[in-house]
Amino acid sequence: MAIPTIGQRKWNLLTLFGALTTVCFGFSGFDFAQSRQEPLRTVRERAGQALSVSASGVGNFPLAPQEKKLMGIISSAGKEGKWTTAKSLFSNYTGVAPPVFSAVLHAAFRCRQYREGAKVYQQCRKRCKKVHAPVYVQALRIFGKLREDGVVRQVWAEALEECEFSSVLASARIAAAADAGDPETAEKVLDLMEKKEISIDVHHMSSAIRACWGWGKNRHKAAKYFFDLCPQVGVTPNLIVFTNLIGAYDSASLEDIASAYQAMKKLEVVADPAFAETYLVSVLSKPKDLKLRTPAFAAKWLNDKSVDRLRAAQEGLSDFEKDGVKLTALSKTLKDALKKLDF
């Protein structure tokens, strides 16, 4: 490819902390192509996660008419959040077609029944002589949510051995790395995608940035590393990318947060409730375990914040109001608290 692999670049993640002392954290040098933001396929979780993996694809496995019908009903139940229905339908299935299992796994994931999904995967491995990529994709997502990193690594190794490496498989592995707070693995998967000449898309970069959330006090540096890669791999950041980036910036300086927010506005990316709350939390450096139940209590807490951070929060709220963003309960509490402090 025209660009070096991620692992070969001068500022790779493994040498990040030895090199960042000479790197400027501004975003003014970015020249992302202007593009319309694609509508979200699913309602995003508060963390900004947005990957929804399809259960479609039957591979070379022949399906009886009743199995195809069963897959359709189970898939519909998953979309509607009716896990009990999906589980009941599957309980009577005695076949060994992996596509049926992948449909059930997908339903379990969509319904957030991760432990139930893990049981289905174990059944699949016992009953099916061979499985296909969608089963591995769903298993990676499910065990990622369960934070069972050892199982994730095992599933990943088997998937690479048994299946053709693909964009969807990579998405699932990076998402599992994000759940584990493991940016190093996310980088390795992106590197593999480049070596295999598989296009890196915005959801791959979004999950890679989210992987930085669990990387301690240096998470904002790791997140910016991935953000800086976006133009190099032809990715235009969308709302999910910026939400995850700002989320990782809760340990960054106000200047860094402001630079990222300006980059977002330059791309004409409009905030939503999840971004608005994430932005306010990072700007005001709110600890995750701090409960701000009332504006009065929040105002007392904010009283020790710098004027610059309070002003940045208020300016952000003004932007959100102008764009018609519906604020979350926490954002409303912070807005009212700022008013009490005459901001």
Protein backbone atom coordinates (compact mmCIF):
# COMPACT_ATOMS: atom_id res chain seq x y z
CA MET A 1 0.00 0.00 0.00
CA ALA A 2 1.04 3.63 -0.39
CA ILE A 3 1.27 4.25 3.33
CA PRO A 4 3.38 2.26 5.79
CA THR A 5 1.62 -0.16 8.05
CA ILE A 6 0.44 1.20 11.36
CA GLY A 7 3.07 -0.77 13.24
CA GLN A 8 5.84 0.70 11.05
CA ARG A 9 4.90 4.37 11.49
CA LYS A 10 7.24 6.59 13.47
CA TRP A 11 4.64 7.40 16.12
CA ASN A 12 3.32 3.91 16.75
CA LEU A 13 1.57 3.09 20.00
CA LEU A 14 4.45 1.05 21.42
CA THR A 15 6.79 4.07 21.34
CA LEU A 16 4.06 6.60 22.05
CA PHE A 17 5.11 7.73 25.47
CA GLY A 18 8.75 8.16 24.58
CA ALA A 19 7.92 10.37 21.61
CA LEU A 20 4.96 12.47 22.60
CA THR A 21 7.02 15.06 24.38
CA THR A 22 7.84 16.54 20.96
CA VAL A 23 4.37 16.26 19.46
CA CYS A 24 1.91 19.15 19.37
CA PHE A 25 -1.62 18.25 20.40
CA GLY A 26 -3.40 20.74 18.14
CA PHE A 27 -5.78 19.67 15.36
CA SER A 28 -5.28 22.60 13.00
CA GLY A 29 -3.20 20.56 10.58
CA PHE A 30 -6.02 18.15 9.73
CA ASP A 31 -7.70 18.36 6.37
CA PHE A 32 -10.55 15.87 6.49
CA ALA A 33 -12.82 15.80 3.46
CA GLN A 34 -16.23 17.30 4.14
CA SER A 35 -18.91 14.62 4.14
CA ARG A 36 -22.46 14.07 5.25
CA GLN A 37 -22.71 12.00 8.39
CA GLU A 38 -24.38 8.63 7.88
CA PRO A 39 -27.41 7.96 10.10
CA LEU A 40 -26.75 5.64 13.02
CA ARG A 41 -28.03 2.11 12.46
CA THR A 42 -28.77 1.53 16.12
CA VAL A 43 -29.28 3.62 19.21
CA ARG A 44 -25.81 4.11 20.59
CA GLU A 45 -24.81 3.19 24.06
CA ARG A 46 -23.65 6.01 26.31
CA ALA A 47 -20.04 5.06 25.69
CA GLY A 48 -20.48 5.80 22.02
CA GLN A 49 -20.24 2.25 20.82
CA ALA A 50 -21.95 1.83 17.47
CA LEU A 51 -21.03 -1.45 15.85
CA SER A 52 -23.95 -3.70 15.01
CA VAL A 53 -22.86 -6.91 13.34
CA SER A 54 -25.30 -8.65 11.06
CA ALA A 55 -26.17 -12.29 11.55
CA SER A 56 -26.67 -12.74 7.84
CA GLY A 57 -24.68 -15.18 5.75
CA VAL A 58 -25.17 -18.92 5.58
CA GLY A 59 -21.89 -19.80 3.91
CA ASN A 60 -21.79 -23.27 2.42
CA PHE A 61 -24.17 -24.72 4.95
CA PRO A 62 -27.41 -26.09 3.45
CA LEU A 63 -30.52 -25.00 5.34
CA ALA A 64 -33.89 -26.70 5.43
CA PRO A 65 -36.90 -24.43 4.81
CA GLN A 66 -37.88 -24.64 8.47
CA GLU A 67 -34.37 -23.56 9.51
CA LYS A 68 -34.53 -20.51 7.26
CA LYS A 69 -37.91 -19.66 8.76
CA LEU A 70 -36.57 -20.15 12.28
CA MET A 71 -33.63 -17.84 11.59
CA GLY A 72 -35.99 -15.13 10.37
CA ILE A 73 -38.23 -15.32 13.41
CA ILE A 74 -35.30 -15.37 15.84
CA SER A 75 -33.68 -12.42 14.09
CA SER A 76 -36.92 -10.45 14.31
CA ALA A 77 -37.24 -11.28 18.01
CA GLY A 78 -33.68 -10.02 18.57
CA LYS A 79 -34.39 -6.73 16.80
CA GLU A 80 -37.45 -6.25 19.00
CA GLY A 81 -35.52 -7.05 22.17
CA LYS A 82 -37.58 -10.18 22.83
CA TRP A 83 -34.92 -12.55 24.11
CA THR A 84 -37.41 -14.82 25.85
CA THR A 85 -39.08 -15.46 22.50
CA ALA A 86 -35.79 -16.12 20.72
CA LYS A 87 -34.59 -18.44 23.47
CA SER A 88 -37.85 -20.37 23.50
CA LEU A 89 -37.77 -20.88 19.73
CA PHE A 90 -34.17 -22.04 19.81
CA SER A 91 -34.74 -24.43 22.72
CA ASN A 92 -36.61 -26.80 20.41
CA TYR A 93 -33.95 -26.74 17.70
CA THR A 94 -32.03 -30.02 17.39
CA GLY A 95 -30.17 -29.27 14.17
CA VAL A 96 -26.51 -28.48 13.61
CA ALA A 97 -26.60 -25.56 11.16
CA PRO A 98 -24.17 -22.82 12.28
CA PRO A 99 -26.25 -20.03 10.65
CA VAL A 100 -29.07 -20.80 13.07
CA PHE A 101 -26.68 -20.52 15.99
CA SER A 102 -25.30 -17.23 14.68
CA ALA A 103 -28.84 -15.85 14.47
CA VAL A 104 -29.42 -16.78 18.12
CA LEU A 105 -26.07 -15.33 19.14
CA HIS A 106 -26.92 -12.10 17.38
CA ALA A 107 -30.29 -11.97 19.15
CA ALA A 108 -28.57 -12.53 22.50
CA PHE A 109 -26.12 -9.73 21.78
CA ARG A 110 -28.82 -7.29 20.71
CA CYS A 111 -30.84 -8.11 23.82
CA ARG A 112 -27.72 -7.77 26.00
CA GLN A 113 -28.08 -11.34 27.18
CA TYR A 114 -24.37 -11.95 27.01
CA ARG A 115 -24.20 -14.83 29.46
CA GLU A 116 -27.00 -16.59 27.59
CA GLY A 117 -25.14 -15.96 24.36
CA ALA A 118 -22.01 -17.56 25.80
CA LYS A 119 -24.02 -20.70 26.53
CA VAL A 120 -25.33 -20.77 22.96
CA TYR A 121 -21.80 -20.46 21.62
CA GLN A 122 -20.64 -23.41 23.72
CA GLN A 123 -23.58 -25.44 22.39
CA CYS A 124 -22.60 -24.51 18.86
CA ARG A 125 -19.01 -25.65 19.35
CA LYS A 126 -20.19 -28.99 20.77
CA ARG A 127 -22.84 -29.73 18.16
CA CYS A 128 -21.40 -28.25 14.96
CA LYS A 129 -18.41 -29.90 13.30
CA LYS A 130 -17.48 -26.64 11.61
CA VAL A 131 -18.66 -23.08 12.12
CA HIS A 132 -18.52 -19.99 9.93
CA ALA A 133 -17.42 -16.38 10.38
CA PRO A 134 -20.73 -14.95 11.71
CA VAL A 135 -20.54 -17.32 14.70
CA TYR A 136 -17.03 -16.14 15.54
CA VAL A 137 -18.06 -12.51 15.04
CA GLN A 138 -20.92 -12.78 17.52
CA ALA A 139 -18.79 -14.77 19.97
CA LEU A 140 -16.09 -12.09 19.95
CA ARG A 141 -18.66 -9.41 20.72
CA ILE A 142 -20.36 -11.45 23.46
CA PHE A 143 -17.20 -12.55 25.28
CA GLY A 144 -15.86 -9.02 24.90
CA LYS A 145 -18.89 -7.71 26.78
CA LEU A 146 -18.35 -10.39 29.42
CA ARG A 147 -14.73 -9.22 29.76
CA GLU A 148 -13.53 -12.77 29.26
CA ASP A 149 -10.32 -11.80 27.51
CA GLY A 150 -8.87 -15.30 27.52
CA VAL A 151 -11.89 -16.67 25.67
CA VAL A 152 -11.79 -13.72 23.26
CA ARG A 153 -8.18 -14.53 22.37
CA GLN A 154 -9.06 -18.19 21.91
CA VAL A 155 -12.01 -17.40 19.64
CA TRP A 156 -9.93 -14.91 17.68
CA ALA A 157 -7.10 -17.37 17.07
CA GLU A 158 -9.54 -20.01 15.90
CA ALA A 159 -11.38 -17.53 13.67
CA LEU A 160 -8.14 -16.49 11.96
CA GLU A 161 -7.31 -20.15 11.34
CA GLU A 162 -10.73 -21.22 10.09
CA CYS A 163 -12.08 -18.14 8.30
CA GLU A 164 -11.04 -15.60 5.75
CA PHE A 165 -10.01 -12.39 7.48
CA SER A 166 -12.58 -9.69 6.80
CA SER A 167 -13.66 -6.18 7.75
CA VAL A 168 -16.53 -7.52 9.87
CA LEU A 169 -14.29 -9.95 11.74
CA ALA A 170 -11.83 -7.14 12.38
CA SER A 171 -14.66 -4.93 13.65
CA ALA A 172 -15.70 -7.53 16.18
CA ARG A 173 -12.16 -8.03 17.46
CA ILE A 174 -11.49 -4.30 17.82
CA ALA A 175 -14.82 -3.87 19.61
CA ALA A 176 -13.82 -6.63 22.05
CA ALA A 177 -10.50 -4.85 22.56
CA ALA A 178 -12.46 -1.67 23.28
CA ASP A 179 -14.50 -3.46 25.93
CA ALA A 180 -11.25 -4.64 27.51
CA GLY A 181 -9.52 -1.24 27.32
CA ASP A 182 -6.84 -2.77 25.12
CA PRO A 183 -5.56 -0.27 22.50
CA GLU A 184 -2.50 -2.39 21.73
CA THR A 185 -4.67 -5.19 20.33
CA ALA A 186 -6.77 -2.66 18.43
CA GLU A 187 -3.59 -1.37 16.80
CA LYS A 188 -2.49 -4.89 15.87
CA VAL A 189 -5.81 -5.60 14.17
CA LEU A 190 -5.65 -2.32 12.23
CA ASP A 191 -2.12 -3.20 11.20
CA LEU A 192 -3.29 -6.61 9.99
CA MET A 193 -6.06 -4.96 7.99
CA GLU A 194 -3.51 -2.80 6.19
CA LYS A 195 -1.26 -5.75 5.49
CA LYS A 196 -4.23 -7.67 4.06
CA GLU A 197 -5.30 -4.53 2.13
CA ILE A 198 -8.71 -4.47 3.82
CA SER A 199 -10.27 -1.03 3.98
CA ILE A 200 -10.28 0.58 7.42
CA ASP A 201 -13.63 2.25 8.05
CA VAL A 202 -14.89 4.77 10.55
CA HIS A 203 -16.32 2.12 12.91
CA HIS A 204 -12.91 0.43 13.17
CA MET A 205 -11.31 3.72 14.23
CA SER A 206 -14.17 4.55 16.57
CA SER A 207 -13.75 1.29 18.47
CA ALA A 208 -9.96 1.69 18.52
CA ILE A 209 -10.36 5.09 20.15
CA ARG A 210 -12.85 3.67 22.65
CA ALA A 211 -10.26 1.03 23.55
CA CYS A 212 -8.20 3.85 25.02
CA TRP A 213 -10.82 4.64 27.67
CA GLY A 214 -9.37 2.01 29.99
CA TRP A 215 -5.74 3.01 29.55
CA GLY A 216 -5.23 5.00 32.72
CA LYS A 217 -3.98 8.57 32.85
CA ASN A 218 -2.42 8.38 29.36
CA ARG A 219 -5.65 7.40 27.61
CA HIS A 220 -6.01 10.78 25.91
CA LYS A 221 -2.57 10.40 24.31
CA ALA A 222 -3.40 6.95 22.97
CA ALA A 223 -6.79 8.17 21.71
CA LYS A 224 -5.18 11.06 19.87
CA TYR A 225 -2.74 8.62 18.28
CA PHE A 226 -5.66 6.76 16.69
CA PHE A 227 -7.43 9.99 15.80
CA ASP A 228 -4.30 11.18 14.00
CA LEU A 229 -4.38 7.99 11.92
CA CYS A 230 -7.82 8.77 10.51
CA PRO A 231 -6.72 10.96 7.58
CA GLN A 232 -3.84 8.60 6.83
CA VAL A 233 -6.22 5.67 6.31
CA GLY A 234 -8.87 7.72 4.54
CA VAL A 235 -11.38 7.90 7.39
CA THR A 236 -13.48 11.00 8.01
CA PRO A 237 -14.39 11.11 11.73
CA ASN A 238 -18.09 11.06 12.52
CA LEU A 239 -20.06 11.74 15.69
CA ILE A 240 -19.18 8.38 17.23
CA VAL A 241 -15.47 8.97 16.71
CA PHE A 242 -15.64 12.37 18.35
CA THR A 243 -17.75 11.07 21.24
CA ASN A 244 -15.20 8.36 21.96
CA LEU A 245 -12.31 10.80 21.51
CA ILE A 246 -13.77 13.36 23.92
CA GLY A 247 -14.58 10.54 26.35
CA ALA A 248 -10.92 9.57 26.41
CA TYR A 249 -10.01 13.23 26.88
CA ASP A 250 -11.37 13.38 30.42
CA SER A 251 -7.72 13.29 31.46
CA ALA A 252 -6.55 15.81 28.84
CA SER A 253 -5.92 19.52 29.11
CA LEU A 254 -8.68 21.97 28.29
CA GLU A 255 -6.66 23.08 25.26
CA ASP A 256 -6.67 19.54 23.86
CA ILE A 257 -10.41 19.15 24.44
CA ALA A 258 -11.11 22.49 22.80
CA SER A 259 -8.95 21.57 19.79
CA ALA A 260 -10.83 18.30 19.30
CA TYR A 261 -14.17 20.08 19.60
CA GLN A 262 -13.11 22.67 17.04
CA ALA A 263 -12.11 19.89 14.65
CA MET A 264 -15.58 18.44 15.07
CA LYS A 265 -17.28 21.77 14.36
CA LYS A 266 -15.06 22.32 11.33
CA LEU A 267 -16.41 19.06 9.90
CA GLU A 268 -19.94 20.30 10.67
CA VAL A 269 -20.64 17.26 12.82
CA VAL A 270 -23.68 18.01 15.00
CA ALA A 271 -23.73 16.83 18.61
CA ASP A 272 -26.31 14.50 20.12
CA PRO A 273 -27.27 13.90 23.79
CA ALA A 274 -24.48 11.34 24.36
CA PHE A 275 -21.80 13.63 22.95
CA ALA A 276 -23.10 16.65 24.87
CA GLU A 277 -22.88 14.83 28.18
CA THR A 278 -19.49 13.32 27.34
CA TYR A 279 -18.16 16.75 26.41
CA LEU A 280 -19.38 18.39 29.63
CA VAL A 281 -18.00 15.57 31.77
CA SER A 282 -14.56 15.82 30.14
CA VAL A 283 -14.42 19.62 30.16
CA LEU A 284 -15.36 19.72 33.84
CA SER A 285 -13.22 16.69 34.76
CA LYS A 286 -16.08 14.98 36.54
CA PRO A 287 -15.02 11.77 38.31
CA LYS A 288 -17.01 8.74 37.14
CA ASP A 289 -18.12 7.86 40.66
CA LEU A 290 -19.30 11.37 41.55
CA LYS A 291 -23.09 11.62 41.68
CA LEU A 292 -24.44 15.09 40.94
CA ARG A 293 -28.04 14.64 42.03
CA THR A 294 -29.04 18.29 42.34
CA PRO A 295 -27.98 21.58 40.71
CA ALA A 296 -27.14 22.98 44.15
CA PHE A 297 -24.75 20.13 44.92
CA ALA A 298 -23.28 20.35 41.41
CA ALA A 299 -22.77 24.11 41.79
CA LYS A 300 -20.88 23.58 45.03
CA TRP A 301 -18.64 21.05 43.29
CA LEU A 302 -18.12 23.33 40.27
CA ASN A 303 -17.11 26.23 42.49
CA ASP A 304 -13.55 24.91 42.60
CA LYS A 305 -13.23 24.63 38.80
CA SER A 306 -11.27 27.14 36.76
CA VAL A 307 -13.15 29.93 35.06
CA ASP A 308 -11.85 28.72 31.69
CA ARG A 309 -13.38 25.26 32.14
CA LEU A 310 -16.67 26.69 33.35
CA ARG A 311 -16.79 29.06 30.40
CA ALA A 312 -15.97 26.23 27.95
CA ALA A 313 -18.80 24.14 29.40
CA GLN A 314 -21.23 27.03 29.07
CA GLU A 315 -20.16 27.74 25.48
CA GLY A 316 -20.66 24.07 24.67
CA LEU A 317 -24.15 24.18 26.17
CA SER A 318 -24.95 27.22 24.05
CA ASP A 319 -23.87 25.31 20.94
CA PHE A 320 -25.98 22.32 21.91
CA GLU A 321 -29.02 24.49 22.54
CA LYS A 322 -28.58 26.22 19.18
CA ASP A 323 -28.40 22.82 17.46
CA GLY A 324 -31.51 21.57 19.23
CA VAL A 325 -29.74 18.84 21.19
CA LYS A 326 -31.94 17.22 23.84
CA LEU A 327 -29.90 17.19 27.04
CA THR A 328 -29.57 14.21 29.35
CA ALA A 329 -30.49 14.51 33.03
CA LEU A 330 -26.84 14.98 33.99
CA SER A 331 -26.33 17.66 31.32
CA LYS A 332 -29.42 19.51 32.57
CA THR A 333 -28.11 19.37 36.13
CA LEU A 334 -24.77 20.83 35.03
CA LYS A 335 -26.54 23.51 33.00
CA ASP A 336 -28.61 24.58 36.01
CA ALA A 337 -25.54 24.49 38.24
CA LEU A 338 -23.66 26.79 35.89
CA LYS A 339 -26.55 29.22 36.01
CA LYS A 340 -26.26 29.31 39.79
CA LEU A 341 -22.64 30.37 39.30
CA ASP A 342 -23.73 33.09 36.84
CA PHE A 343 -22.43 31.31 33.74
